[in-house]
Amino acid sequence: MIKRALALAAVVGLTAGTVQAVPQQRERGVSLLQAGRVAESIEILEAVLAQDPSDTAARFHLGRAFLAFGEPGLAVGQLELALASSADPGAVHFQLGLARLAQEDWLAAWQALTRAVELRPTLRPASFALIEVCYRVGEVAAARRRLAALAEVTPRWPDPEVRAAELAMDQGEAAVAVVWLERALAVSPGRPGLWTRLGDAFATAFNYKAAEDAYRTAAELAPNVVAPRVALAYHFFNVQQFGLAEAELGRALQLAPGDPSVLLPYAESLLYQGRSAAALAAVAEVLQTLGSAAEDAGAGGRATLRAGALELQARILIKLGRLDEAEEAARALLAAVPRSVQGHFGLGTVLQRRGDPAAAEHLRTFKRLSDGREHRELGDEYLRLADDAIAAEREYQLALEIDAADVAARIGLGRALLASGDAAGALAALEPFASQGRGSAQWLIPWILGLDASGRRDEAVAMW
């Protein structure tokens, strides 16, 4: 059930004796949607449709509002009803495509967006969204070509350049990303987020002075926003200027007191400067803010932060020689993340210092997970950066020989085999993790492409 505030004035306005005209109420709902007051917009547009179910425009905008509210399924329902009598079916197909994208229904998204482009060739955001479908199904090269072409015909719209930069970064081409981002900033120089991305691209290209300048520009453009300060702080981590990192994170904490995503790197900056007690106190505050594992179950970001805080807490406690507390932190980390490399290392270290023979098993597990991860990450680099499917396959195989339960290595192996033309081998590699992977786009995309390449098109379409 969707929870939203009752827009009482709108309902009264439609039901009282002195009602406003339905078109006026519809326009009020659209204005609220454009202003970001989505819940109120939904209430008004639903009230309009209760008065006049044939109001196609209200139904179209209600679909848009549901999509903005994070309910793509409800959006699809309204948009499909609007489609039959819409005076602008291209716009409806575009919104349908966006809703299907949000549902990760790539085939339906492709169909809707293709139709939108056919009906409205000048609707550039529809072309942009169609490119996103290309990318999501693994056609990265095609997506990059289309983005370059779209950027040429939309010189005053920076979004294609920004997305092209993101894909270039994903392919390890930081210098190319810099060019795209500089083009985007020539159009929109006042967007701090673009300056932050430019800083990331410069940092990846090892141009640290240019990276710092870009991050500082972002912070100057948005002095009351946390993200540019945190980005600048991470830059100082990269160049090992931990005092400057602490200063920037301190400024960020003034803007967002107690924010665990800021407080955790702040604690790390203190640790790197030898202030272990202060770092430990900051980590304790992070853990107190985040609560227990039960409280943040299902909240991926909070769970990740909590795991990071437990890992840092164990490291500090080991450094201080407080082994009982370090063991407690390491065991809590492993309870939350059983395959945590640092969790096994921390617990193994504590037990080894005590002379406990159980240390050996944890340290062996640490080495196995660490070695497997090294081969898997090398496989990722061969596949993504060097486009060398043979070398990638070799590294993924080595990762799986070390750690047969590494799902990411198994998926990587499937992608590498697919890239080298062995669709049957890719399916065989992916099959053992079918039950775990079906909810993951990382598993589904190579699986679907493998089915298609093996001539099993009906199965591929059904899975898509």
Protein backbone atom coordinates (compact mmCIF):
# COMPACT_ATOMS: atom_id res chain seq x y z
CA MET A 1 0.00 0.00 0.00
CA ILE A 2 1.37 3.36 -1.00
CA LYS A 3 1.63 5.77 1.91
CA ARG A 4 1.12 9.40 1.01
CA ALA A 5 -0.32 12.48 2.64
CA LEU A 6 -3.91 13.36 1.86
CA ALA A 7 -4.12 16.47 -0.30
CA LEU A 8 -7.30 17.60 1.47
CA ALA A 9 -7.68 20.87 -0.33
CA ALA A 10 -7.73 19.13 -3.69
CA VAL A 11 -10.38 16.62 -2.66
CA VAL A 12 -12.54 19.31 -1.11
CA GLY A 13 -12.10 21.41 -4.22
CA LEU A 14 -13.50 18.58 -6.35
CA THR A 15 -16.39 17.61 -4.13
CA ALA A 16 -17.67 20.86 -2.66
CA GLY A 17 -20.42 22.91 -4.21
CA THR A 18 -17.96 25.46 -5.59
CA VAL A 19 -15.79 22.96 -7.45
CA GLN A 20 -13.02 24.04 -9.70
CA ALA A 21 -13.07 22.75 -13.26
CA VAL A 22 -11.43 19.37 -13.68
CA PRO A 23 -8.83 20.70 -16.17
CA GLN A 24 -7.74 23.27 -13.59
CA GLN A 25 -7.31 20.56 -10.98
CA ARG A 26 -5.39 18.43 -13.47
CA GLU A 27 -3.02 21.32 -14.16
CA ARG A 28 -2.61 21.78 -10.42
CA GLY A 29 -1.59 18.11 -10.14
CA VAL A 30 0.90 18.51 -12.99
CA SER A 31 2.38 21.63 -11.37
CA LEU A 32 2.86 19.78 -8.09
CA LEU A 33 4.56 16.92 -9.94
CA GLN A 34 6.94 19.34 -11.63
CA ALA A 35 7.68 20.90 -8.23
CA GLY A 36 8.60 17.50 -6.80
CA ARG A 37 5.54 17.27 -4.53
CA VAL A 38 4.73 13.86 -5.92
CA ALA A 39 2.42 12.47 -3.22
CA GLU A 40 0.14 15.50 -3.41
CA SER A 41 0.17 15.28 -7.19
CA ILE A 42 -0.96 11.66 -7.06
CA GLU A 43 -3.87 12.52 -4.74
CA ILE A 44 -5.08 15.31 -6.99
CA LEU A 45 -4.76 13.34 -10.23
CA GLU A 46 -6.55 10.34 -8.72
CA ALA A 47 -9.34 12.67 -7.60
CA VAL A 48 -9.55 14.10 -11.13
CA LEU A 49 -9.91 10.60 -12.57
CA ALA A 50 -12.58 9.76 -10.00
CA GLN A 51 -14.54 12.71 -11.46
CA ASP A 52 -13.72 11.90 -15.09
CA PRO A 53 -12.19 8.46 -15.82
CA SER A 54 -11.86 9.40 -19.50
CA ASP A 55 -9.35 12.20 -18.81
CA THR A 56 -6.42 10.73 -20.72
CA ALA A 57 -4.06 13.57 -19.86
CA ALA A 58 -4.67 13.10 -16.13
CA ARG A 59 -4.04 9.37 -16.49
CA PHE A 60 -0.79 10.01 -18.37
CA HIS A 61 0.48 12.37 -15.70
CA LEU A 62 -0.65 10.00 -12.94
CA GLY A 63 1.54 7.35 -14.58
CA ARG A 64 4.46 9.80 -14.55
CA ALA A 65 3.77 10.57 -10.90
CA PHE A 66 3.72 6.89 -9.93
CA LEU A 67 7.05 6.43 -11.70
CA ALA A 68 8.52 9.41 -9.82
CA PHE A 69 7.15 7.90 -6.59
CA GLY A 70 9.05 4.65 -7.17
CA GLU A 71 6.05 2.58 -8.24
CA PRO A 72 6.80 1.57 -11.86
CA GLY A 73 4.21 -1.21 -11.84
CA LEU A 74 1.41 1.24 -11.05
CA ALA A 75 2.88 3.62 -13.62
CA VAL A 76 2.68 0.96 -16.34
CA GLY A 77 -0.98 0.32 -15.52
CA GLN A 78 -1.96 3.97 -15.90
CA LEU A 79 0.16 4.57 -18.97
CA GLU A 80 -1.21 1.54 -20.81
CA LEU A 81 -4.74 2.81 -20.13
CA ALA A 82 -3.76 6.26 -21.40
CA LEU A 83 -2.16 4.92 -24.56
CA ALA A 84 -5.37 3.95 -26.37
CA SER A 85 -6.79 7.48 -26.51
CA SER A 86 -3.71 9.67 -26.17
CA ALA A 87 -3.19 12.52 -28.61
CA ASP A 88 0.57 12.03 -28.16
CA PRO A 89 1.28 8.27 -28.08
CA GLY A 90 5.01 8.87 -28.55
CA ALA A 91 5.19 10.59 -25.17
CA VAL A 92 3.22 7.76 -23.55
CA HIS A 93 5.51 5.12 -25.06
CA PHE A 94 8.50 7.07 -23.74
CA GLN A 95 7.17 7.05 -20.19
CA LEU A 96 6.24 3.38 -20.55
CA GLY A 97 9.81 2.68 -21.61
CA LEU A 98 11.16 4.47 -18.54
CA ALA A 99 8.81 2.48 -16.30
CA ARG A 100 9.90 -0.78 -17.91
CA LEU A 101 13.53 0.25 -17.44
CA ALA A 102 12.81 0.79 -13.75
CA GLN A 103 11.34 -2.73 -13.65
CA GLU A 104 14.43 -4.08 -15.46
CA ASP A 105 12.14 -5.50 -18.15
CA TRP A 106 14.61 -4.86 -20.94
CA LEU A 107 12.58 -6.30 -23.81
CA ALA A 108 9.44 -4.31 -22.98
CA ALA A 109 11.57 -1.20 -22.42
CA TRP A 110 13.23 -1.66 -25.81
CA GLN A 111 9.88 -2.10 -27.55
CA ALA A 112 8.27 0.93 -25.90
CA LEU A 113 11.25 3.22 -26.45
CA THR A 114 11.71 2.11 -30.06
CA ARG A 115 8.09 2.98 -30.69
CA ALA A 116 8.54 6.33 -28.95
CA VAL A 117 11.49 7.19 -31.20
CA GLU A 118 9.53 6.13 -34.29
CA LEU A 119 6.61 8.37 -33.34
CA ARG A 120 8.69 11.26 -31.98
CA PRO A 121 12.12 11.25 -33.69
CA THR A 122 13.03 14.57 -32.06
CA LEU A 123 12.27 13.32 -28.53
CA ARG A 124 15.95 13.02 -27.62
CA PRO A 125 15.41 11.68 -24.08
CA ALA A 126 13.69 8.66 -25.64
CA SER A 127 16.77 8.01 -27.79
CA PHE A 128 18.89 8.46 -24.68
CA ALA A 129 16.83 5.91 -22.73
CA LEU A 130 17.01 3.47 -25.66
CA ILE A 131 20.80 3.69 -25.47
CA GLU A 132 20.57 2.83 -21.78
CA VAL A 133 18.76 -0.40 -22.68
CA CYS A 134 21.64 -1.25 -25.04
CA TYR A 135 24.06 -0.80 -22.16
CA ARG A 136 21.98 -2.77 -19.67
CA VAL A 137 21.89 -5.82 -21.93
CA GLY A 138 25.65 -5.77 -22.39
CA GLU A 139 25.93 -4.00 -25.75
CA VAL A 140 28.44 -1.49 -24.40
CA ALA A 141 30.17 -0.70 -27.70
CA ALA A 142 26.84 -0.04 -29.42
CA ALA A 143 25.72 2.16 -26.53
CA ARG A 144 28.92 4.22 -26.73
CA ARG A 145 28.55 4.70 -30.51
CA ARG A 146 24.94 5.81 -30.11
CA LEU A 147 25.85 8.22 -27.31
CA ALA A 148 28.52 9.83 -29.47
CA ALA A 149 26.02 10.25 -32.31
CA LEU A 150 23.37 11.67 -29.98
CA ALA A 151 25.85 14.11 -28.46
CA GLU A 152 26.57 15.52 -31.91
CA VAL A 153 22.93 16.37 -32.59
CA THR A 154 22.21 17.73 -29.08
CA PRO A 155 25.09 20.18 -28.50
CA ARG A 156 23.23 22.11 -25.78
CA TRP A 157 22.15 19.02 -23.82
CA PRO A 158 25.02 17.60 -21.71
CA ASP A 159 23.44 14.30 -20.62
CA PRO A 160 24.79 12.21 -23.54
CA GLU A 161 28.31 13.49 -22.82
CA VAL A 162 27.94 12.67 -19.13
CA ARG A 163 26.76 9.14 -19.82
CA ALA A 164 29.49 8.68 -22.43
CA ALA A 165 32.01 9.69 -19.78
CA GLU A 166 30.58 7.14 -17.35
CA LEU A 167 30.87 4.34 -19.89
CA ALA A 168 34.41 5.43 -20.78
CA MET A 169 35.33 5.25 -17.08
CA ASP A 170 33.72 1.82 -16.88
CA GLN A 171 35.97 0.72 -19.74
CA GLY A 172 39.06 2.16 -18.06
CA GLU A 173 39.39 5.08 -20.47
CA ALA A 174 39.78 7.94 -18.01
CA ALA A 175 41.36 10.30 -20.56
CA VAL A 176 38.35 9.83 -22.85
CA ALA A 177 36.02 10.48 -19.90
CA VAL A 178 37.84 13.76 -19.22
CA VAL A 179 37.15 14.92 -22.78
CA TRP A 180 33.45 14.09 -22.53
CA LEU A 181 33.08 15.77 -19.14
CA GLU A 182 34.86 18.91 -20.29
CA ARG A 183 32.41 19.08 -23.19
CA ALA A 184 29.50 18.71 -20.75
CA LEU A 185 30.90 21.42 -18.49
CA ALA A 186 31.24 23.79 -21.44
CA VAL A 187 27.43 23.61 -21.62
CA SER A 188 26.66 23.39 -17.87
CA PRO A 189 29.57 24.86 -15.90
CA GLY A 190 27.48 25.41 -12.78
CA ARG A 191 26.77 21.74 -12.00
CA PRO A 192 28.92 20.66 -9.03
CA GLY A 193 28.25 16.98 -9.71
CA LEU A 194 29.94 17.24 -13.09
CA TRP A 195 33.01 18.82 -11.51
CA THR A 196 33.14 15.94 -9.02
CA ARG A 197 32.98 13.41 -11.87
CA LEU A 198 35.72 15.31 -13.68
CA GLY A 199 37.82 15.08 -10.51
CA ASP A 200 37.26 11.31 -10.43
CA ALA A 201 38.35 11.01 -14.08
CA PHE A 202 41.48 13.09 -13.51
CA ALA A 203 42.33 11.06 -10.39
CA THR A 204 41.96 7.80 -12.31
CA ALA A 205 44.30 9.23 -14.94
CA PHE A 206 46.78 10.09 -12.13
CA ASN A 207 46.45 13.83 -12.75
CA TYR A 208 46.06 14.63 -9.07
CA LYS A 209 46.51 18.41 -9.33
CA ALA A 210 43.71 18.68 -11.89
CA ALA A 211 41.59 16.33 -9.77
CA GLU A 212 42.02 18.53 -6.69
CA ASP A 213 41.13 21.66 -8.68
CA ALA A 214 37.95 19.99 -9.98
CA TYR A 215 36.88 18.80 -6.52
CA ARG A 216 37.52 22.26 -5.07
CA THR A 217 35.40 23.84 -7.80
CA ALA A 218 32.56 21.44 -6.94
CA ALA A 219 32.84 22.36 -3.25
CA GLU A 220 32.83 26.09 -4.07
CA LEU A 221 29.72 25.72 -6.24
CA ALA A 222 27.90 23.78 -3.51
CA PRO A 223 29.27 25.02 -0.17
CA ASN A 224 26.38 23.53 1.82
CA VAL A 225 26.48 20.09 0.20
CA VAL A 226 28.34 17.17 1.78
CA ALA A 227 29.27 15.13 -1.32
CA PRO A 228 31.93 17.46 -2.83
CA ARG A 229 33.68 17.73 0.56
CA VAL A 230 33.76 13.96 0.91
CA ALA A 231 35.09 13.58 -2.65
CA LEU A 232 37.85 16.09 -1.91
CA ALA A 233 38.67 14.21 1.30
CA TYR A 234 39.01 10.91 -0.56
CA HIS A 235 41.34 12.68 -2.98
CA PHE A 236 43.54 13.61 -0.02
CA PHE A 237 43.43 9.96 1.12
CA ASN A 238 44.71 8.95 -2.32
CA VAL A 239 47.65 11.33 -2.10
CA GLN A 240 48.24 10.42 1.57
CA GLN A 241 47.52 13.88 2.96
CA PHE A 242 45.50 12.62 5.89
CA GLY A 243 45.41 15.89 7.81
CA LEU A 244 43.78 17.62 4.86
CA ALA A 245 41.36 14.69 4.53
CA GLU A 246 40.42 15.08 8.19
CA ALA A 247 39.84 18.82 7.71
CA GLU A 248 37.49 18.30 4.75
CA LEU A 249 35.58 15.54 6.52
CA GLY A 250 35.31 17.78 9.56
CA ARG A 251 33.67 20.44 7.38
CA ALA A 252 31.33 17.79 5.97
CA LEU A 253 30.36 16.74 9.51
CA GLN A 254 29.45 20.34 10.29
CA LEU A 255 26.97 20.11 7.42
CA ALA A 256 25.74 16.63 8.39
CA PRO A 257 26.52 15.98 12.07
CA GLY A 258 26.86 12.30 12.90
CA ASP A 259 26.33 11.10 9.31
CA PRO A 260 27.87 7.59 9.40
CA SER A 261 28.94 7.75 5.74
CA VAL A 262 31.10 10.76 6.64
CA LEU A 263 32.04 9.76 10.17
CA LEU A 264 33.51 6.41 9.07
CA PRO A 265 36.17 7.87 6.71
CA TYR A 266 36.73 10.60 9.33
CA ALA A 267 37.64 7.85 11.81
CA GLU A 268 40.01 6.35 9.26
CA SER A 269 41.71 9.71 8.72
CA LEU A 270 42.33 9.90 12.47
CA LEU A 271 43.76 6.37 12.52
CA TYR A 272 46.20 7.15 9.71
CA GLN A 273 47.48 10.06 11.78
CA GLY A 274 48.13 7.83 14.79
CA ARG A 275 45.13 8.99 16.81
CA SER A 276 43.76 5.52 17.51
CA ALA A 277 41.66 6.39 20.57
CA ALA A 278 39.85 9.22 18.77
CA ALA A 279 39.33 6.96 15.73
CA LEU A 280 37.88 4.22 17.94
CA ALA A 281 35.45 6.69 19.53
CA ALA A 282 34.28 7.84 16.08
CA VAL A 283 33.74 4.23 14.95
CA ALA A 284 31.72 3.53 18.10
CA GLU A 285 29.51 6.49 17.21
CA VAL A 286 29.02 5.08 13.70
CA LEU A 287 27.96 1.70 15.07
CA GLN A 288 25.63 3.29 17.60
CA THR A 289 23.99 5.34 14.85
CA LEU A 290 23.59 2.36 12.54
CA GLY A 291 22.22 0.04 15.20
CA SER A 292 22.27 -3.73 15.20
CA ALA A 293 22.36 -6.08 12.24
CA ALA A 294 18.70 -6.93 12.86
CA GLU A 295 17.72 -3.27 12.63
CA ASP A 296 19.46 -2.69 9.30
CA ALA A 297 18.61 -6.03 7.68
CA GLY A 298 17.61 -5.40 4.09
CA ALA A 299 19.10 -1.90 4.09
CA GLY A 300 22.08 -2.49 1.81
CA GLY A 301 23.79 0.85 2.37
CA ARG A 302 23.50 0.68 6.14
CA ALA A 303 24.64 -2.93 6.19
CA THR A 304 27.70 -2.07 4.12
CA LEU A 305 28.56 0.83 6.41
CA ARG A 306 28.12 -1.34 9.47
CA ALA A 307 30.45 -4.00 8.03
CA GLY A 308 33.04 -1.33 7.24
CA ALA A 309 32.77 0.06 10.77
CA LEU A 310 33.19 -3.38 12.35
CA GLU A 311 36.23 -4.04 10.16
CA LEU A 312 37.83 -0.74 11.15
CA GLN A 313 36.94 -1.30 14.80
CA ALA A 314 38.63 -4.71 14.80
CA ARG A 315 41.77 -3.24 13.16
CA ILE A 316 42.04 -0.48 15.75
CA LEU A 317 41.43 -2.80 18.69
CA ILE A 318 44.10 -5.22 17.44
CA LYS A 319 46.49 -2.29 17.08
CA LEU A 320 45.73 -1.28 20.69
CA GLY A 321 46.15 -4.85 21.93
CA ARG A 322 42.55 -5.06 23.19
CA LEU A 323 42.11 -8.61 21.95
CA ASP A 324 38.84 -9.54 23.66
CA GLU A 325 37.05 -6.56 22.11
CA ALA A 326 38.80 -7.15 18.78
CA GLU A 327 37.57 -10.74 18.73
CA GLU A 328 34.03 -9.57 19.44
CA ALA A 329 34.18 -7.08 16.56
CA ALA A 330 35.67 -9.64 14.14
CA ARG A 331 33.04 -12.24 15.03
CA ALA A 332 30.27 -9.66 14.58
CA LEU A 333 31.70 -8.84 11.15
CA LEU A 334 31.78 -12.51 10.12
CA ALA A 335 28.24 -12.99 11.39
CA ALA A 336 27.14 -10.18 9.08
CA VAL A 337 29.46 -11.06 6.15
CA PRO A 338 30.62 -14.70 6.42
CA ARG A 339 32.97 -14.35 3.43
CA SER A 340 34.63 -11.15 4.70
CA VAL A 341 38.34 -11.33 3.88
CA GLN A 342 39.25 -8.88 6.64
CA GLY A 343 36.91 -10.57 9.10
CA HIS A 344 38.80 -13.86 8.79
CA PHE A 345 42.14 -12.06 8.89
CA GLY A 346 41.21 -10.10 12.00
CA LEU A 347 39.84 -13.09 13.89
CA GLY A 348 42.76 -15.26 12.79
CA THR A 349 45.21 -12.61 14.00
CA VAL A 350 43.54 -12.35 17.42
CA LEU A 351 43.44 -16.10 17.91
CA GLN A 352 47.03 -16.51 16.71
CA ARG A 353 48.25 -13.98 19.28
CA ARG A 354 46.56 -16.04 21.97
CA GLY A 355 48.04 -19.28 20.68
CA ASP A 356 44.63 -20.65 19.78
CA PRO A 357 44.95 -23.39 17.11
CA ALA A 358 41.61 -22.24 15.59
CA ALA A 359 43.57 -19.31 14.16
CA ALA A 360 45.00 -21.48 11.39
CA GLU A 361 41.60 -22.15 9.80
CA HIS A 362 40.66 -18.47 9.68
CA LEU A 363 44.02 -17.47 8.25
CA ARG A 364 43.76 -20.22 5.60
CA THR A 365 40.29 -18.92 4.72
CA PHE A 366 41.66 -15.38 4.54
CA LYS A 367 44.38 -16.50 2.11
CA ARG A 368 41.96 -18.51 -0.01
CA LEU A 369 39.43 -15.67 -0.30
CA SER A 370 42.16 -13.11 -0.86
CA ASP A 371 43.91 -15.13 -3.57
CA GLY A 372 40.63 -15.91 -5.30
CA ARG A 373 39.61 -12.27 -5.24
CA GLU A 374 42.95 -11.26 -6.76
CA HIS A 375 42.46 -13.58 -9.74
CA ARG A 376 38.83 -12.52 -10.14
CA GLU A 377 39.71 -8.83 -10.15
CA LEU A 378 42.49 -9.50 -12.65
CA GLY A 379 39.94 -11.30 -14.84
CA ASP A 380 37.66 -8.26 -14.60
CA GLU A 381 40.50 -6.03 -15.75
CA TYR A 382 41.39 -8.27 -18.69
CA LEU A 383 37.77 -8.40 -19.80
CA ARG A 384 36.81 -4.78 -19.18
CA LEU A 385 40.01 -2.88 -19.86
CA ALA A 386 42.02 -5.05 -22.26
CA ASP A 387 39.12 -6.81 -24.03
CA ASP A 388 41.13 -10.02 -23.68
CA ALA A 389 38.55 -12.76 -23.15
CA ILE A 390 41.13 -15.59 -23.19
CA ALA A 391 43.24 -14.08 -20.41
CA ALA A 392 40.09 -13.21 -18.46
CA GLU A 393 38.84 -16.80 -18.75
CA ARG A 394 42.17 -18.07 -17.40
CA GLU A 395 42.01 -15.79 -14.36
CA TYR A 396 38.38 -16.61 -13.59
CA GLN A 397 39.16 -20.33 -13.79
CA LEU A 398 42.05 -19.85 -11.36
CA ALA A 399 39.74 -17.90 -9.02
CA LEU A 400 37.20 -20.73 -9.06
CA GLU A 401 39.85 -23.38 -8.47
CA ILE A 402 40.78 -21.50 -5.30
CA ASP A 403 37.22 -20.56 -4.25
CA ALA A 404 34.49 -22.55 -5.97
CA ALA A 405 31.78 -20.54 -4.18
CA ASP A 406 32.79 -17.21 -5.75
CA VAL A 407 29.60 -16.24 -7.60
CA ALA A 408 31.18 -13.13 -9.13
CA ALA A 409 34.02 -15.21 -10.61
CA ARG A 410 31.48 -17.66 -12.03
CA ILE A 411 29.56 -14.82 -13.68
CA GLY A 412 32.82 -13.38 -14.99
CA LEU A 413 33.74 -16.73 -16.48
CA GLY A 414 30.38 -16.86 -18.25
CA ARG A 415 30.91 -13.39 -19.68
CA ALA A 416 34.44 -14.24 -20.83
CA LEU A 417 33.33 -17.44 -22.56
CA LEU A 418 30.50 -15.55 -24.22
CA ALA A 419 32.94 -12.88 -25.44
CA SER A 420 35.16 -15.56 -26.98
CA GLY A 421 32.18 -17.11 -28.82
CA ASP A 422 31.62 -20.16 -26.58
CA ALA A 423 27.95 -19.68 -25.74
CA ALA A 424 27.48 -23.31 -24.63
CA GLY A 425 30.44 -23.01 -22.29
CA ALA A 426 29.06 -19.75 -20.90
CA LEU A 427 25.74 -21.38 -20.09
CA ALA A 428 27.50 -24.33 -18.47
CA ALA A 429 29.53 -21.93 -16.32
CA LEU A 430 26.49 -19.94 -15.24
CA GLU A 431 24.10 -22.86 -14.67
CA PRO A 432 25.39 -23.91 -11.19
CA PHE A 433 24.40 -20.53 -9.76
CA ALA A 434 21.05 -20.22 -11.53
CA SER A 435 19.01 -20.22 -8.32
CA GLN A 436 21.19 -17.48 -6.78
CA GLY A 437 21.58 -15.44 -9.94
CA ARG A 438 18.04 -15.13 -11.27
CA GLY A 439 17.42 -11.99 -9.20
CA SER A 440 20.64 -10.36 -10.43
CA ALA A 441 21.08 -8.45 -13.68
CA GLN A 442 24.81 -9.35 -13.56
CA TRP A 443 23.87 -13.04 -13.91
CA LEU A 444 20.78 -12.62 -16.08
CA ILE A 445 22.35 -10.61 -18.89
CA PRO A 446 25.09 -13.11 -19.86
CA TRP A 447 22.59 -15.95 -19.35
CA ILE A 448 20.09 -14.40 -21.76
CA LEU A 449 22.79 -13.54 -24.30
CA GLY A 450 24.10 -17.10 -24.02
CA LEU A 451 20.66 -18.55 -24.67
CA ASP A 452 20.25 -16.31 -27.71
CA ALA A 453 23.72 -17.13 -29.08
CA SER A 454 22.98 -20.85 -28.63
CA GLY A 455 19.89 -20.62 -30.83
CA ARG A 456 17.49 -20.83 -27.86
CA ARG A 457 15.82 -17.54 -28.74
CA ASP A 458 12.39 -18.37 -27.31
CA GLU A 459 13.93 -19.13 -23.94
CA ALA A 460 16.03 -15.95 -24.13
CA VAL A 461 12.96 -13.80 -24.87
CA ALA A 462 10.97 -15.49 -22.09
CA MET A 463 13.80 -14.93 -19.60
CA TRP A 464 14.22 -11.34 -20.78
